[in-house]
């Protein structure tokens, strides 16, 4: 199953056009959390409050992970 990790920040969206293959959607949870953590560590806080949305190949959002400021 190919899943895509889009980042939604207010009115803008960064699309994942390549995606990654997973056996089941739950396997993508850790990848989404790592992307969100990485964005939380950026030098600016531009990404704080964004969401990493995990979508299937039909474009349906399966779940999302919020980007929080790194502690």
C-alpha atoms as a PDB file:
ATOM      1  CA  UNK A   1       0.000   0.000   0.000  1.00  0.00           C
ATOM      2  CA  UNK A   2       1.494   3.336  -1.059  1.00  0.00           C
ATOM      3  CA  UNK A   3       0.981   6.183   1.414  1.00  0.00           C
ATOM      4  CA  UNK A   4       1.780   9.870   1.045  1.00  0.00           C
ATOM      5  CA  UNK A   5       2.915  12.373   3.673  1.00  0.00           C
ATOM      6  CA  UNK A   6       1.610  15.865   2.900  1.00  0.00           C
ATOM      7  CA  UNK A   7       2.356  18.814   5.185  1.00  0.00           C
ATOM      8  CA  UNK A   8      -0.499  21.273   5.710  1.00  0.00           C
ATOM      9  CA  UNK A   9       0.452  24.686   7.088  1.00  0.00           C
ATOM     10  CA  UNK A  10      -2.481  27.085   7.296  1.00  0.00           C
ATOM     11  CA  UNK A  11      -3.598  27.668   3.722  1.00  0.00           C
ATOM     12  CA  UNK A  12      -0.547  26.116   2.066  1.00  0.00           C
ATOM     13  CA  UNK A  13       0.217  22.466   1.461  1.00  0.00           C
ATOM     14  CA  UNK A  14       3.406  20.641   0.537  1.00  0.00           C
ATOM     15  CA  UNK A  15       2.604  17.502  -1.368  1.00  0.00           C
ATOM     16  CA  UNK A  16       4.468  14.226  -1.221  1.00  0.00           C
ATOM     17  CA  UNK A  17       4.379  13.132  -4.861  1.00  0.00           C
ATOM     18  CA  UNK A  18       6.427   9.963  -4.376  1.00  0.00           C
ATOM     19  CA  UNK A  19       4.961   8.252  -1.315  1.00  0.00           C
ATOM     20  CA  UNK A  20       6.266   5.137   0.402  1.00  0.00           C
ATOM     21  CA  UNK A  21       5.096   1.540   0.487  1.00  0.00           C
ATOM     22  CA  UNK A  22       3.725   0.041   3.711  1.00  0.00           C
ATOM     23  CA  UNK A  23       2.081  -3.246   4.602  1.00  0.00           C
ATOM     24  CA  UNK A  24      -0.709  -1.469   6.485  1.00  0.00           C
ATOM     25  CA  UNK A  25      -1.518   2.176   7.335  1.00  0.00           C
ATOM     26  CA  UNK A  26      -0.512   1.795  10.990  1.00  0.00           C
ATOM     27  CA  UNK A  27       3.066   1.134   9.880  1.00  0.00           C
ATOM     28  CA  UNK A  28       3.250   4.727   8.622  1.00  0.00           C
ATOM     29  CA  UNK A  29       2.624   6.243  12.070  1.00  0.00           C
ATOM     30  CA  UNK A  30       6.285   6.340  13.063  1.00  0.00           C
ATOM     31  CA  UNK A  31       7.317   7.949   9.765  1.00  0.00           C
ATOM     32  CA  UNK A  32       4.675  10.670  10.179  1.00  0.00           C
ATOM     33  CA  UNK A  33       5.825  11.284  13.768  1.00  0.00           C
ATOM     34  CA  UNK A  34       9.458  11.559  12.648  1.00  0.00           C
ATOM     35  CA  UNK A  35       8.565  14.059   9.912  1.00  0.00           C
ATOM     36  CA  UNK A  36       6.592  16.141  12.429  1.00  0.00           C
ATOM     37  CA  UNK A  37       9.446  16.020  14.973  1.00  0.00           C
ATOM     38  CA  UNK A  38      11.960  17.059  12.332  1.00  0.00           C
ATOM     39  CA  UNK A  39       9.819  20.046  11.350  1.00  0.00           C
ATOM     40  CA  UNK A  40       9.499  20.985  15.038  1.00  0.00           C
ATOM     41  CA  UNK A  41      13.294  21.235  15.245  1.00  0.00           C
ATOM     42  CA  UNK A  42      13.620  23.683  12.326  1.00  0.00           C
ATOM     43  CA  UNK A  43      15.448  26.944  13.003  1.00  0.00           C
ATOM     44  CA  UNK A  44      12.245  28.941  12.596  1.00  0.00           C
ATOM     45  CA  UNK A  45       8.850  28.187  14.057  1.00  0.00           C
ATOM     46  CA  UNK A  46       7.180  28.371  10.642  1.00  0.00           C
ATOM     47  CA  UNK A  47       6.078  24.750  10.830  1.00  0.00           C
ATOM     48  CA  UNK A  48       4.686  24.796  14.388  1.00  0.00           C
ATOM     49  CA  UNK A  49       0.947  24.215  14.203  1.00  0.00           C
ATOM     50  CA  UNK A  50       1.208  22.383  10.887  1.00  0.00           C
ATOM     51  CA  UNK A  51       0.036  18.841  10.317  1.00  0.00           C
ATOM     52  CA  UNK A  52       1.604  15.886   8.564  1.00  0.00           C
ATOM     53  CA  UNK A  53      -1.331  14.231   6.820  1.00  0.00           C
ATOM     54  CA  UNK A  54      -1.021  10.611   5.777  1.00  0.00           C
ATOM     55  CA  UNK A  55      -3.070   9.856   2.667  1.00  0.00           C
ATOM     56  CA  UNK A  56      -3.723   6.795   0.580  1.00  0.00           C
ATOM     57  CA  UNK A  57      -3.395   6.662  -3.204  1.00  0.00           C
ATOM     58  CA  UNK A  58      -7.034   7.771  -3.577  1.00  0.00           C
ATOM     59  CA  UNK A  59      -6.237  10.975  -1.648  1.00  0.00           C
ATOM     60  CA  UNK A  60      -8.183  10.029   1.462  1.00  0.00           C
ATOM     61  CA  UNK A  61      -6.641  11.280   4.711  1.00  0.00           C
ATOM     62  CA  UNK A  62      -6.061   8.305   6.995  1.00  0.00           C
ATOM     63  CA  UNK A  63      -4.629  10.227   9.945  1.00  0.00           C
ATOM     64  CA  UNK A  64      -2.537  13.267  10.772  1.00  0.00           C
ATOM     65  CA  UNK A  65       0.213  14.197  13.222  1.00  0.00           C
ATOM     66  CA  UNK A  66       0.602  17.741  14.580  1.00  0.00           C
ATOM     67  CA  UNK A  67       3.917  19.567  14.433  1.00  0.00           C
ATOM     68  CA  UNK A  68       4.857  20.929  17.844  1.00  0.00           C
ATOM     69  CA  UNK A  69       7.751  23.068  18.938  1.00  0.00           C
ATOM     70  CA  UNK A  70      10.711  20.976  20.044  1.00  0.00           C
ATOM     71  CA  UNK A  71      11.326  21.055  23.776  1.00  0.00           C
END
